[in-house]
C-alpha atoms as a PDB file:
ATOM      1  CA  MET A   1      62.502  65.483 -67.805  1.00  0.00           C
ATOM      2  CA  ASP A   2      64.056  64.106 -64.276  1.00  0.00           C
ATOM      3  CA  LEU A   3      61.982  62.293 -62.062  1.00  0.00           C
ATOM      4  CA  GLY A   4      64.520  61.462 -59.035  1.00  0.00           C
ATOM      5  CA  ASN A   5      64.019  58.144 -57.472  1.00  0.00           C
ATOM      6  CA  PHE A   6      61.268  56.328 -57.982  1.00  0.00           C
ATOM      7  CA  SER A   7      59.720  53.277 -56.081  1.00  0.00           C
ATOM      8  CA  VAL A   8      57.094  51.119 -56.797  1.00  0.00           C
ATOM      9  CA  SER A   9      55.556  48.003 -54.721  1.00  0.00           C
ATOM     10  CA  LEU A  10      54.166  44.769 -56.510  1.00  0.00           C
ATOM     11  CA  ALA A  11      52.347  41.821 -55.906  1.00  0.00           C
ATOM     12  CA  VAL A  12      53.248  38.617 -57.684  1.00  0.00           C
ATOM     13  CA  SER A  13      52.512  35.186 -57.933  1.00  0.00           C
ATOM     14  CA  ASP A  14      55.461  33.620 -57.959  1.00  0.00           C
ATOM     15  CA  LEU A  15      59.108  35.650 -56.277  1.00  0.00           C
ATOM     16  CA  LYS A  16      61.472  33.932 -58.237  1.00  0.00           C
ATOM     17  CA  ALA A  17      60.008  33.897 -61.308  1.00  0.00           C
ATOM     18  CA  SER A  18      59.667  37.691 -60.930  1.00  0.00           C
ATOM     19  CA  GLU A  19      63.004  38.077 -59.325  1.00  0.00           C
ATOM     20  CA  THR A  20      64.316  36.384 -62.400  1.00  0.00           C
ATOM     21  CA  PHE A  21      61.995  38.326 -65.354  1.00  0.00           C
ATOM     22  CA  TYR A  22      63.262  41.859 -63.627  1.00  0.00           C
ATOM     23  CA  GLY A  23      66.819  40.765 -63.355  1.00  0.00           C
ATOM     24  CA  HIS A  24      66.934  40.424 -67.133  1.00  0.00           C
ATOM     25  CA  LEU A  25      65.832  43.828 -67.167  1.00  0.00           C
ATOM     26  CA  GLY A  26      68.978  45.075 -65.342  1.00  0.00           C
ATOM     27  CA  PHE A  27      67.235  44.680 -61.268  1.00  0.00           C
ATOM     28  CA  THR A  28      69.228  42.945 -58.888  1.00  0.00           C
ATOM     29  CA  ALA A  29      68.239  42.079 -55.325  1.00  0.00           C
ATOM     30  CA  ILE A  30      69.476  44.390 -52.514  1.00  0.00           C
ATOM     31  CA  GLY A  31      67.293  43.011 -49.681  1.00  0.00           C
ATOM     32  CA  GLY A  32      64.442  41.594 -48.271  1.00  0.00           C
ATOM     33  CA  ASP A  33      63.695  37.444 -47.236  1.00  0.00           C
ATOM     34  CA  ARG A  34      62.808  35.302 -49.866  1.00  0.00           C
ATOM     35  CA  ASP A  35      61.572  32.791 -47.182  1.00  0.00           C
ATOM     36  CA  GLN A  36      59.274  35.175 -46.054  1.00  0.00           C
ATOM     37  CA  GLY A  37      58.135  35.991 -49.269  1.00  0.00           C
ATOM     38  CA  TRP A  38      59.406  39.685 -50.344  1.00  0.00           C
ATOM     39  CA  LEU A  39      61.909  41.229 -52.025  1.00  0.00           C
ATOM     40  CA  ILE A  40      63.513  44.488 -52.885  1.00  0.00           C
ATOM     41  CA  MET A  41      65.316  45.206 -56.308  1.00  0.00           C
ATOM     42  CA  LYS A  42      66.442  48.161 -57.869  1.00  0.00           C
ATOM     43  CA  ASN A  43      68.037  49.425 -61.152  1.00  0.00           C
ATOM     44  CA  ASP A  44      69.772  52.815 -61.140  1.00  0.00           C
ATOM     45  CA  THR A  45      66.989  55.146 -59.346  1.00  0.00           C
ATOM     46  CA  THR A  46      64.519  52.694 -59.768  1.00  0.00           C
ATOM     47  CA  ALA A  47      63.571  50.469 -56.232  1.00  0.00           C
ATOM     48  CA  MET A  48      60.635  47.735 -56.539  1.00  0.00           C
ATOM     49  CA  ALA A  49      59.342  45.791 -53.703  1.00  0.00           C
ATOM     50  CA  CYS A  50      58.097  42.363 -55.003  1.00  0.00           C
ATOM     51  CA  PHE A  51      55.914  40.693 -52.196  1.00  0.00           C
ATOM     52  CA  ARG A  52      54.176  37.315 -52.710  1.00  0.00           C
ATOM     53  CA  ALA A  53      50.646  37.317 -53.319  1.00  0.00           C
ATOM     54  CA  CYS A  54      48.145  35.970 -50.709  1.00  0.00           C
ATOM     55  CA  SER A  55      45.178  34.416 -52.053  1.00  0.00           C
ATOM     56  CA  ARG A  56      42.259  32.715 -49.877  1.00  0.00           C
ATOM     57  CA  ARG A  57      44.203  29.651 -51.378  1.00  0.00           C
ATOM     58  CA  THR A  58      47.986  30.553 -50.140  1.00  0.00           C
ATOM     59  CA  CYS A  59      47.236  32.371 -46.696  1.00  0.00           C
END
């Protein structure tokens, strides 16, 4: 079964750790702004947006 292109958005608590983790799974950063807390990563036909999660203490 071919699902075609797939994308997902994730709220993450640590953007750098998430980039490292997904990098080990074959994802590469293709866009975003780390200073603003978001990153777009891609692996073959899967794209994901990682957004730094906001809590009462961090926003």
